[in-house]
Amino acid sequence: MLALGRAMMSKPQLLLLDEPSLGLAPLVIEQIFQSIRELTTAMGLTVLLVEQNAMGALKIADVGIVLNLGSIAAIGSAAALKDDPAVRAAYLGF
């Protein structure tokens, strides 16, 4: 959370986040993702989020791009990607 706060001090228009949930407890991950979503709404901030926690990322995203071995496997609205059977099987485990 501290790193996120420090990043916001410069009032960016674009925030690049690489694995912000890596190594964190599930409760902290939920708080981080909620904070990211609130920042995008309150400040009109654009966030480019790279995240292995696909379900968490898709919950807060408007648009998602799914990569497989460095190539784009799927692109679309986060809601559509969460419901895509191929994406669910490959990345969400169900």
PDB file of N, CA and C in Angstrom:
ATOM      1  N   MET A   1       0.827  -1.194   0.000  1.00  0.00           N
ATOM      2  CA  MET A   1       0.000   0.000   0.000  1.00  0.00           C
ATOM      3  C   MET A   1       0.870   1.257   0.000  1.00  0.00           C
ATOM      4  N   LEU A   2       1.991   1.183   0.702  1.00  0.00           N
ATOM      5  CA  LEU A   2       2.886   2.330   0.765  1.00  0.00           C
ATOM      6  C   LEU A   2       3.409   2.680  -0.626  1.00  0.00           C
ATOM      7  N   ALA A   3       3.811   1.660  -1.387  1.00  0.00           N
ATOM      8  CA  ALA A   3       4.322   1.908  -2.738  1.00  0.00           C
ATOM      9  C   ALA A   3       3.245   2.525  -3.623  1.00  0.00           C
ATOM     10  N   LEU A   4       2.026   2.080  -3.463  1.00  0.00           N
ATOM     11  CA  LEU A   4       0.920   2.638  -4.242  1.00  0.00           C
ATOM     12  C   LEU A   4       0.703   4.106  -3.871  1.00  0.00           C
ATOM     13  N   GLY A   5       0.740   4.403  -2.585  1.00  0.00           N
ATOM     14  CA  GLY A   5       0.599   5.783  -2.129  1.00  0.00           C
ATOM     15  C   GLY A   5       1.720   6.672  -2.638  1.00  0.00           C
ATOM     16  N   ARG A   6       2.936   6.160  -2.596  1.00  0.00           N
ATOM     17  CA  ARG A   6       4.077   6.941  -3.100  1.00  0.00           C
ATOM     18  C   ARG A   6       3.937   7.219  -4.585  1.00  0.00           C
ATOM     19  N   ALA A   7       3.472   6.221  -5.334  1.00  0.00           N
ATOM     20  CA  ALA A   7       3.296   6.397  -6.773  1.00  0.00           C
ATOM     21  C   ALA A   7       2.254   7.467  -7.071  1.00  0.00           C
ATOM     22  N   MET A   8       1.238   7.578  -6.236  1.00  0.00           N
ATOM     23  CA  MET A   8       0.163   8.530  -6.466  1.00  0.00           C
ATOM     24  C   MET A   8       0.551   9.966  -6.110  1.00  0.00           C
ATOM     25  N   MET A   9       1.622  10.141  -5.369  1.00  0.00           N
ATOM     26  CA  MET A   9       2.025  11.492  -4.959  1.00  0.00           C
ATOM     27  C   MET A   9       2.339  12.400  -6.143  1.00  0.00           C
ATOM     28  N   SER A  10       2.800  11.817  -7.243  1.00  0.00           N
ATOM     29  CA  SER A  10       3.134  12.635  -8.409  1.00  0.00           C
ATOM     30  C   SER A  10       1.936  12.870  -9.326  1.00  0.00           C
ATOM     31  N   LYS A  11       0.751  12.400  -8.895  1.00  0.00           N
ATOM     32  CA  LYS A  11      -0.492  12.583  -9.646  1.00  0.00           C
ATOM     33  C   LYS A  11      -0.366  12.120 -11.107  1.00  0.00           C
ATOM     34  N   PRO A  12      -0.033  10.839 -11.302  1.00  0.00           N
ATOM     35  CA  PRO A  12       0.142  10.349 -12.671  1.00  0.00           C
ATOM     36  C   PRO A  12      -1.192  10.202 -13.394  1.00  0.00           C
ATOM     37  N   GLN A  13      -1.137  10.206 -14.712  1.00  0.00           N
ATOM     38  CA  GLN A  13      -2.313   9.909 -15.527  1.00  0.00           C
ATOM     39  C   GLN A  13      -2.349   8.420 -15.863  1.00  0.00           C
ATOM     40  N   LEU A  14      -1.170   7.801 -15.836  1.00  0.00           N
ATOM     41  CA  LEU A  14      -1.030   6.385 -16.132  1.00  0.00           C
ATOM     42  C   LEU A  14      -0.184   5.751 -15.042  1.00  0.00           C
ATOM     43  N   LEU A  15      -0.665   4.649 -14.491  1.00  0.00           N
ATOM     44  CA  LEU A  15       0.052   3.934 -13.438  1.00  0.00           C
ATOM     45  C   LEU A  15       0.340   2.525 -13.947  1.00  0.00           C
ATOM     46  N   LEU A  16       1.617   2.145 -13.969  1.00  0.00           N
ATOM     47  CA  LEU A  16       2.025   0.813 -14.408  1.00  0.00           C
ATOM     48  C   LEU A  16       2.305  -0.027 -13.169  1.00  0.00           C
ATOM     49  N   LEU A  17       1.595  -1.140 -13.034  1.00  0.00           N
ATOM     50  CA  LEU A  17       1.754  -2.000 -11.867  1.00  0.00           C
ATOM     51  C   LEU A  17       2.124  -3.403 -12.313  1.00  0.00           C
ATOM     52  N   ASP A  18       3.247  -3.902 -11.808  1.00  0.00           N
ATOM     53  CA  ASP A  18       3.718  -5.243 -12.136  1.00  0.00           C
ATOM     54  C   ASP A  18       3.591  -6.130 -10.911  1.00  0.00           C
ATOM     55  N   GLU A  19       2.643  -7.041 -10.941  1.00  0.00           N
ATOM     56  CA  GLU A  19       2.421  -8.016  -9.873  1.00  0.00           C
ATOM     57  C   GLU A  19       2.269  -7.376  -8.481  1.00  0.00           C
ATOM     58  N   PRO A  20       1.327  -6.445  -8.307  1.00  0.00           N
ATOM     59  CA  PRO A  20       1.200  -5.809  -6.994  1.00  0.00           C
ATOM     60  C   PRO A  20       0.747  -6.772  -5.892  1.00  0.00           C
ATOM     61  N   SER A  21       0.221  -7.940  -6.257  1.00  0.00           N
ATOM     62  CA  SER A  21      -0.259  -8.878  -5.237  1.00  0.00           C
ATOM     63  C   SER A  21       0.756  -9.964  -4.887  1.00  0.00           C
ATOM     64  N   LEU A  22       1.893  -9.957  -5.554  1.00  0.00           N
ATOM     65  CA  LEU A  22       2.880 -11.019  -5.378  1.00  0.00           C
ATOM     66  C   LEU A  22       3.324 -11.157  -3.923  1.00  0.00           C
ATOM     67  N   GLY A  23       3.135 -12.342  -3.367  1.00  0.00           N
ATOM     68  CA  GLY A  23       3.608 -12.656  -2.027  1.00  0.00           C
ATOM     69  C   GLY A  23       2.786 -12.087  -0.887  1.00  0.00           C
ATOM     70  N   LEU A  24       1.615 -11.546  -1.183  1.00  0.00           N
ATOM     71  CA  LEU A  24       0.792 -10.931  -0.141  1.00  0.00           C
ATOM     72  C   LEU A  24      -0.333 -11.861   0.304  1.00  0.00           C
ATOM     73  N   ALA A  25      -0.799 -11.646   1.505  1.00  0.00           N
ATOM     74  CA  ALA A  25      -1.921 -12.410   2.049  1.00  0.00           C
ATOM     75  C   ALA A  25      -3.197 -12.069   1.283  1.00  0.00           C
ATOM     76  N   PRO A  26      -4.132 -13.009   1.174  1.00  0.00           N
ATOM     77  CA  PRO A  26      -5.370 -12.760   0.422  1.00  0.00           C
ATOM     78  C   PRO A  26      -6.132 -11.510   0.866  1.00  0.00           C
ATOM     79  N   LEU A  27      -6.178 -11.228   2.143  1.00  0.00           N
ATOM     80  CA  LEU A  27      -6.886 -10.038   2.617  1.00  0.00           C
ATOM     81  C   LEU A  27      -6.203  -8.762   2.130  1.00  0.00           C
ATOM     82  N   VAL A  28      -4.893  -8.756   2.150  1.00  0.00           N
ATOM     83  CA  VAL A  28      -4.136  -7.587   1.681  1.00  0.00           C
ATOM     84  C   VAL A  28      -4.312  -7.422   0.167  1.00  0.00           C
ATOM     85  N   ILE A  29      -4.321  -8.540  -0.558  1.00  0.00           N
ATOM     86  CA  ILE A  29      -4.536  -8.489  -2.009  1.00  0.00           C
ATOM     87  C   ILE A  29      -5.889  -7.852  -2.314  1.00  0.00           C
ATOM     88  N   GLU A  30      -6.899  -8.258  -1.594  1.00  0.00           N
ATOM     89  CA  GLU A  30      -8.239  -7.690  -1.786  1.00  0.00           C
ATOM     90  C   GLU A  30      -8.222  -6.180  -1.543  1.00  0.00           C
ATOM     91  N   GLN A  31      -7.517  -5.744  -0.514  1.00  0.00           N
ATOM     92  CA  GLN A  31      -7.436  -4.306  -0.207  1.00  0.00           C
ATOM     93  C   GLN A  31      -6.674  -3.555  -1.293  1.00  0.00           C
ATOM     94  N   ILE A  32      -5.601  -4.144  -1.795  1.00  0.00           N
ATOM     95  CA  ILE A  32      -4.816  -3.510  -2.867  1.00  0.00           C
ATOM     96  C   ILE A  32      -5.681  -3.340  -4.114  1.00  0.00           C
ATOM     97  N   PHE A  33      -6.358  -4.422  -4.512  1.00  0.00           N
ATOM     98  CA  PHE A  33      -7.190  -4.347  -5.708  1.00  0.00           C
ATOM     99  C   PHE A  33      -8.326  -3.340  -5.524  1.00  0.00           C
ATOM    100  N   GLN A  34      -8.917  -3.295  -4.357  1.00  0.00           N
ATOM    101  CA  GLN A  34      -9.987  -2.325  -4.091  1.00  0.00           C
ATOM    102  C   GLN A  34      -9.444  -0.897  -4.192  1.00  0.00           C
ATOM    103  N   SER A  35      -8.260  -0.676  -3.662  1.00  0.00           N
ATOM    104  CA  SER A  35      -7.637   0.655  -3.730  1.00  0.00           C
ATOM    105  C   SER A  35      -7.358   1.053  -5.173  1.00  0.00           C
ATOM    106  N   ILE A  36      -6.874   0.109  -5.960  1.00  0.00           N
ATOM    107  CA  ILE A  36      -6.601   0.394  -7.371  1.00  0.00           C
ATOM    108  C   ILE A  36      -7.891   0.790  -8.079  1.00  0.00           C
ATOM    109  N   ARG A  37      -8.954   0.041  -7.841  1.00  0.00           N
ATOM    110  CA  ARG A  37     -10.240   0.349  -8.488  1.00  0.00           C
ATOM    111  C   ARG A  37     -10.760   1.724  -8.060  1.00  0.00           C
ATOM    112  N   GLU A  38     -10.639   2.042  -6.775  1.00  0.00           N
ATOM    113  CA  GLU A  38     -11.091   3.343  -6.276  1.00  0.00           C
ATOM    114  C   GLU A  38     -10.288   4.477  -6.899  1.00  0.00           C
ATOM    115  N   LEU A  39      -8.981   4.281  -7.078  1.00  0.00           N
ATOM    116  CA  LEU A  39      -8.144   5.312  -7.692  1.00  0.00           C
ATOM    117  C   LEU A  39      -8.547   5.559  -9.142  1.00  0.00           C
ATOM    118  N   THR A  40      -8.843   4.502  -9.865  1.00  0.00           N
ATOM    119  CA  THR A  40      -9.230   4.692 -11.261  1.00  0.00           C
ATOM    120  C   THR A  40     -10.528   5.474 -11.362  1.00  0.00           C
ATOM    121  N   THR A  41     -11.432   5.204 -10.447  1.00  0.00           N
ATOM    122  CA  THR A  41     -12.731   5.885 -10.471  1.00  0.00           C
ATOM    123  C   THR A  41     -12.618   7.328  -9.984  1.00  0.00           C
ATOM    124  N   ALA A  42     -11.978   7.524  -8.853  1.00  0.00           N
ATOM    125  CA  ALA A  42     -11.932   8.841  -8.223  1.00  0.00           C
ATOM    126  C   ALA A  42     -11.033   9.833  -8.967  1.00  0.00           C
ATOM    127  N   MET A  43      -9.947   9.340  -9.549  1.00  0.00           N
ATOM    128  CA  MET A  43      -8.969  10.241 -10.153  1.00  0.00           C
ATOM    129  C   MET A  43      -8.931  10.174 -11.674  1.00  0.00           C
ATOM    130  N   GLY A  44      -9.766   9.340 -12.265  1.00  0.00           N
ATOM    131  CA  GLY A  44      -9.715   9.190 -13.714  1.00  0.00           C
ATOM    132  C   GLY A  44      -8.395   8.598 -14.166  1.00  0.00           C
ATOM    133  N   LEU A  45      -7.804   7.766 -13.329  1.00  0.00           N
ATOM    134  CA  LEU A  45      -6.490   7.203 -13.566  1.00  0.00           C
ATOM    135  C   LEU A  45      -6.583   5.977 -14.467  1.00  0.00           C
ATOM    136  N   THR A  46      -5.663   5.862 -15.398  1.00  0.00           N
ATOM    137  CA  THR A  46      -5.537   4.669 -16.218  1.00  0.00           C
ATOM    138  C   THR A  46      -4.470   3.787 -15.595  1.00  0.00           C
ATOM    139  N   VAL A  47      -4.767   2.500 -15.444  1.00  0.00           N
ATOM    140  CA  VAL A  47      -3.818   1.565 -14.837  1.00  0.00           C
ATOM    141  C   VAL A  47      -3.536   0.434 -15.812  1.00  0.00           C
ATOM    142  N   LEU A  48      -2.255   0.164 -16.038  1.00  0.00           N
ATOM    143  CA  LEU A  48      -1.828  -1.014 -16.783  1.00  0.00           C
ATOM    144  C   LEU A  48      -1.338  -1.994 -15.733  1.00  0.00           C
ATOM    145  N   LEU A  49      -2.083  -3.062 -15.547  1.00  0.00           N
ATOM    146  CA  LEU A  49      -1.825  -4.026 -14.481  1.00  0.00           C
ATOM    147  C   LEU A  49      -1.372  -5.342 -15.082  1.00  0.00           C
ATOM    148  N   VAL A  50      -0.171  -5.780 -14.711  1.00  0.00           N
ATOM    149  CA  VAL A  50       0.332  -7.096 -15.088  1.00  0.00           C
ATOM    150  C   VAL A  50       0.195  -7.952 -13.843  1.00  0.00           C
ATOM    151  N   GLU A  51      -0.559  -9.043 -13.973  1.00  0.00           N
ATOM    152  CA  GLU A  51      -0.910  -9.799 -12.765  1.00  0.00           C
ATOM    153  C   GLU A  51      -1.142 -11.268 -13.086  1.00  0.00           C
ATOM    154  N   GLN A  52      -0.546 -12.165 -12.289  1.00  0.00           N
ATOM    155  CA  GLN A  52      -0.800 -13.595 -12.449  1.00  0.00           C
ATOM    156  C   GLN A  52      -2.115 -13.998 -11.792  1.00  0.00           C
ATOM    157  N   ASN A  53      -2.576 -13.217 -10.836  1.00  0.00           N
ATOM    158  CA  ASN A  53      -3.860 -13.464 -10.179  1.00  0.00           C
ATOM    159  C   ASN A  53      -4.955 -12.991 -11.135  1.00  0.00           C
ATOM    160  N   ALA A  54      -5.262 -13.844 -12.106  1.00  0.00           N
ATOM    161  CA  ALA A  54      -6.166 -13.446 -13.187  1.00  0.00           C
ATOM    162  C   ALA A  54      -7.549 -13.068 -12.683  1.00  0.00           C
ATOM    163  N   MET A  55      -8.108 -13.847 -11.780  1.00  0.00           N
ATOM    164  CA  MET A  55      -9.462 -13.549 -11.298  1.00  0.00           C
ATOM    165  C   MET A  55      -9.496 -12.204 -10.572  1.00  0.00           C
ATOM    166  N   GLY A  56      -8.513 -11.943  -9.743  1.00  0.00           N
ATOM    167  CA  GLY A  56      -8.451 -10.667  -9.036  1.00  0.00           C
ATOM    168  C   GLY A  56      -8.317  -9.497  -9.992  1.00  0.00           C
ATOM    169  N   ALA A  57      -7.472  -9.658 -10.987  1.00  0.00           N
ATOM    170  CA  ALA A  57      -7.267  -8.585 -11.962  1.00  0.00           C
ATOM    171  C   ALA A  57      -8.526  -8.339 -12.786  1.00  0.00           C
ATOM    172  N   LEU A  58      -9.192  -9.410 -13.208  1.00  0.00           N
ATOM    173  CA  LEU A  58     -10.399  -9.253 -14.017  1.00  0.00           C
ATOM    174  C   LEU A  58     -11.557  -8.668 -13.224  1.00  0.00           C
ATOM    175  N   LYS A  59     -11.546  -8.854 -11.913  1.00  0.00           N
ATOM    176  CA  LYS A  59     -12.613  -8.271 -11.084  1.00  0.00           C
ATOM    177  C   LYS A  59     -12.558  -6.749 -11.074  1.00  0.00           C
ATOM    178  N   ILE A  60     -11.367  -6.179 -11.207  1.00  0.00           N
ATOM    179  CA  ILE A  60     -11.244  -4.719 -11.133  1.00  0.00           C
ATOM    180  C   ILE A  60     -11.024  -4.069 -12.490  1.00  0.00           C
ATOM    181  N   ALA A  61     -10.837  -4.885 -13.514  1.00  0.00           N
ATOM    182  CA  ALA A  61     -10.503  -4.352 -14.840  1.00  0.00           C
ATOM    183  C   ALA A  61     -11.757  -4.013 -15.649  1.00  0.00           C
ATOM    184  N   ASP A  62     -11.581  -3.088 -16.576  1.00  0.00           N
ATOM    185  CA  ASP A  62     -12.599  -2.810 -17.581  1.00  0.00           C
ATOM    186  C   ASP A  62     -12.328  -3.665 -18.819  1.00  0.00           C
ATOM    187  N   VAL A  63     -11.049  -3.714 -19.204  1.00  0.00           N
ATOM    188  CA  VAL A  63     -10.605  -4.446 -20.383  1.00  0.00           C
ATOM    189  C   VAL A  63      -9.450  -5.350 -19.970  1.00  0.00           C
ATOM    190  N   GLY A  64      -9.393  -6.535 -20.567  1.00  0.00           N
ATOM    191  CA  GLY A  64      -8.301  -7.449 -20.272  1.00  0.00           C
ATOM    192  C   GLY A  64      -7.659  -7.979 -21.533  1.00  0.00           C
ATOM    193  N   ILE A  65      -6.377  -8.266 -21.419  1.00  0.00           N
ATOM    194  CA  ILE A  65      -5.630  -8.923 -22.491  1.00  0.00           C
ATOM    195  C   ILE A  65      -4.967 -10.132 -21.859  1.00  0.00           C
ATOM    196  N   VAL A  66      -5.253 -11.298 -22.384  1.00  0.00           N
ATOM    197  CA  VAL A  66      -4.696 -12.539 -21.860  1.00  0.00           C
ATOM    198  C   VAL A  66      -3.548 -12.959 -22.763  1.00  0.00           C
ATOM    199  N   LEU A  67      -2.389 -13.169 -22.155  1.00  0.00           N
ATOM    200  CA  LEU A  67      -1.209 -13.594 -22.907  1.00  0.00           C
ATOM    201  C   LEU A  67      -0.938 -15.067 -22.680  1.00  0.00           C
ATOM    202  N   ASN A  68      -0.431 -15.714 -23.707  1.00  0.00           N
ATOM    203  CA  ASN A  68      -0.001 -17.097 -23.602  1.00  0.00           C
ATOM    204  C   ASN A  68       1.312 -17.225 -24.353  1.00  0.00           C
ATOM    205  N   LEU A  69       2.385 -17.509 -23.626  1.00  0.00           N
ATOM    206  CA  LEU A  69       3.708 -17.638 -24.214  1.00  0.00           C
ATOM    207  C   LEU A  69       4.108 -16.403 -25.020  1.00  0.00           C
ATOM    208  N   GLY A  70       3.760 -15.228 -24.506  1.00  0.00           N
ATOM    209  CA  GLY A  70       4.158 -13.973 -25.127  1.00  0.00           C
ATOM    210  C   GLY A  70       3.264 -13.485 -26.255  1.00  0.00           C
ATOM    211  N   SER A  71       2.235 -14.232 -26.580  1.00  0.00           N
ATOM    212  CA  SER A  71       1.305 -13.818 -27.633  1.00  0.00           C
ATOM    213  C   SER A  71      -0.072 -13.573 -27.036  1.00  0.00           C
ATOM    214  N   ILE A  72      -0.818 -12.682 -27.680  1.00  0.00           N
ATOM    215  CA  ILE A  72      -2.169 -12.393 -27.210  1.00  0.00           C
ATOM    216  C   ILE A  72      -3.067 -13.585 -27.508  1.00  0.00           C
ATOM    217  N   ALA A  73      -3.642 -14.155 -26.450  1.00  0.00           N
ATOM    218  CA  ALA A  73      -4.552 -15.297 -26.586  1.00  0.00           C
ATOM    219  C   ALA A  73      -5.998 -14.841 -26.609  1.00  0.00           C
ATOM    220  N   ALA A  74      -6.295 -13.748 -25.914  1.00  0.00           N
ATOM    221  CA  ALA A  74      -7.670 -13.228 -25.878  1.00  0.00           C
ATOM    222  C   ALA A  74      -7.626 -11.766 -25.470  1.00  0.00           C
ATOM    223  N   ILE A  75      -8.586 -11.012 -25.972  1.00  0.00           N
ATOM    224  CA  ILE A  75      -8.712  -9.605 -25.608  1.00  0.00           C
ATOM    225  C   ILE A  75     -10.203  -9.268 -25.595  1.00  0.00           C
ATOM    226  N   GLY A  76     -10.598  -8.470 -24.623  1.00  0.00           N
ATOM    227  CA  GLY A  76     -11.996  -8.085 -24.550  1.00  0.00           C
ATOM    228  C   GLY A  76     -12.339  -7.476 -23.211  1.00  0.00           C
ATOM    229  N   SER A  77     -13.618  -7.306 -22.975  1.00  0.00           N
ATOM    230  CA  SER A  77     -14.042  -6.768 -21.687  1.00  0.00           C
ATOM    231  C   SER A  77     -13.703  -7.785 -20.605  1.00  0.00           C
ATOM    232  N   ALA A  78     -13.434  -7.289 -19.415  1.00  0.00           N
ATOM    233  CA  ALA A  78     -13.081  -8.181 -18.305  1.00  0.00           C
ATOM    234  C   ALA A  78     -14.218  -9.157 -18.033  1.00  0.00           C
ATOM    235  N   ALA A  79     -15.453  -8.682 -18.107  1.00  0.00           N
ATOM    236  CA  ALA A  79     -16.607  -9.552 -17.869  1.00  0.00           C
ATOM    237  C   ALA A  79     -16.655 -10.687 -18.885  1.00  0.00           C
ATOM    238  N   ALA A  80     -16.416 -10.371 -20.149  1.00  0.00           N
ATOM    239  CA  ALA A  80     -16.439 -11.397 -21.194  1.00  0.00           C
ATOM    240  C   ALA A  80     -15.301 -12.397 -21.002  1.00  0.00           C
ATOM    241  N   LEU A  81     -14.133 -11.915 -20.628  1.00  0.00           N
ATOM    242  CA  LEU A  81     -12.999 -12.814 -20.421  1.00  0.00           C
ATOM    243  C   LEU A  81     -13.232 -13.740 -19.228  1.00  0.00           C
ATOM    244  N   LYS A  82     -13.847 -13.213 -18.161  1.00  0.00           N
ATOM    245  CA  LYS A  82     -14.134 -14.060 -16.995  1.00  0.00           C
ATOM    246  C   LYS A  82     -15.088 -15.183 -17.355  1.00  0.00           C
ATOM    247  N   ASP A  83     -15.976 -14.945 -18.318  1.00  0.00           N
ATOM    248  CA  ASP A  83     -16.966 -15.933 -18.701  1.00  0.00           C
ATOM    249  C   ASP A  83     -16.532 -16.821 -19.870  1.00  0.00           C
ATOM    250  N   ASP A  84     -15.397 -16.516 -20.490  1.00  0.00           N
ATOM    251  CA  ASP A  84     -14.915 -17.301 -21.627  1.00  0.00           C
ATOM    252  C   ASP A  84     -14.406 -18.658 -21.127  1.00  0.00           C
ATOM    253  N   PRO A  85     -15.009 -19.757 -21.585  1.00  0.00           N
ATOM    254  CA  PRO A  85     -14.621 -21.086 -21.086  1.00  0.00           C
ATOM    255  C   PRO A  85     -13.132 -21.405 -21.277  1.00  0.00           C
ATOM    256  N   ALA A  86     -12.563 -21.000 -22.401  1.00  0.00           N
ATOM    257  CA  ALA A  86     -11.151 -21.292 -22.648  1.00  0.00           C
ATOM    258  C   ALA A  86     -10.246 -20.524 -21.684  1.00  0.00           C
ATOM    259  N   VAL A  87     -10.570 -19.266 -21.440  1.00  0.00           N
ATOM    260  CA  VAL A  87      -9.779 -18.458 -20.506  1.00  0.00           C
ATOM    261  C   VAL A  87      -9.933 -19.006 -19.098  1.00  0.00           C
ATOM    262  N   ARG A  88     -11.155 -19.342 -18.717  1.00  0.00           N
ATOM    263  CA  ARG A  88     -11.390 -19.894 -17.373  1.00  0.00           C
ATOM    264  C   ARG A  88     -10.597 -21.176 -17.159  1.00  0.00           C
ATOM    265  N   ALA A  89     -10.616 -22.057 -18.130  1.00  0.00           N
ATOM    266  CA  ALA A  89      -9.916 -23.336 -17.994  1.00  0.00           C
ATOM    267  C   ALA A  89      -8.402 -23.149 -17.926  1.00  0.00           C
ATOM    268  N   ALA A  90      -7.877 -22.285 -18.780  1.00  0.00           N
ATOM    269  CA  ALA A  90      -6.433 -22.119 -18.863  1.00  0.00           C
ATOM    270  C   ALA A  90      -5.847 -21.291 -17.728  1.00  0.00           C
ATOM    271  N   TYR A  91      -6.559 -20.240 -17.305  1.00  0.00           N
ATOM    272  CA  TYR A  91      -5.959 -19.295 -16.380  1.00  0.00           C
ATOM    273  C   TYR A  91      -6.618 -19.229 -15.014  1.00  0.00           C
ATOM    274  N   LEU A  92      -7.855 -19.629 -14.931  1.00  0.00           N
ATOM    275  CA  LEU A  92      -8.557 -19.518 -13.661  1.00  0.00           C
ATOM    276  C   LEU A  92      -8.743 -20.880 -12.994  1.00  0.00           C
ATOM    277  N   GLY A  93      -8.438 -21.946 -13.723  1.00  0.00           N
ATOM    278  CA  GLY A  93      -8.464 -23.275 -13.138  1.00  0.00           C
ATOM    279  C   GLY A  93      -9.834 -23.917 -13.036  1.00  0.00           C
ATOM    280  N   PHE A  94     -10.842 -23.349 -13.686  1.00  0.00           N
ATOM    281  CA  PHE A  94     -12.174 -23.971 -13.664  1.00  0.00           C
ATOM    282  C   PHE A  94     -12.969 -23.595 -14.889  1.00  0.00           C
TER     283      PHE A  94
END
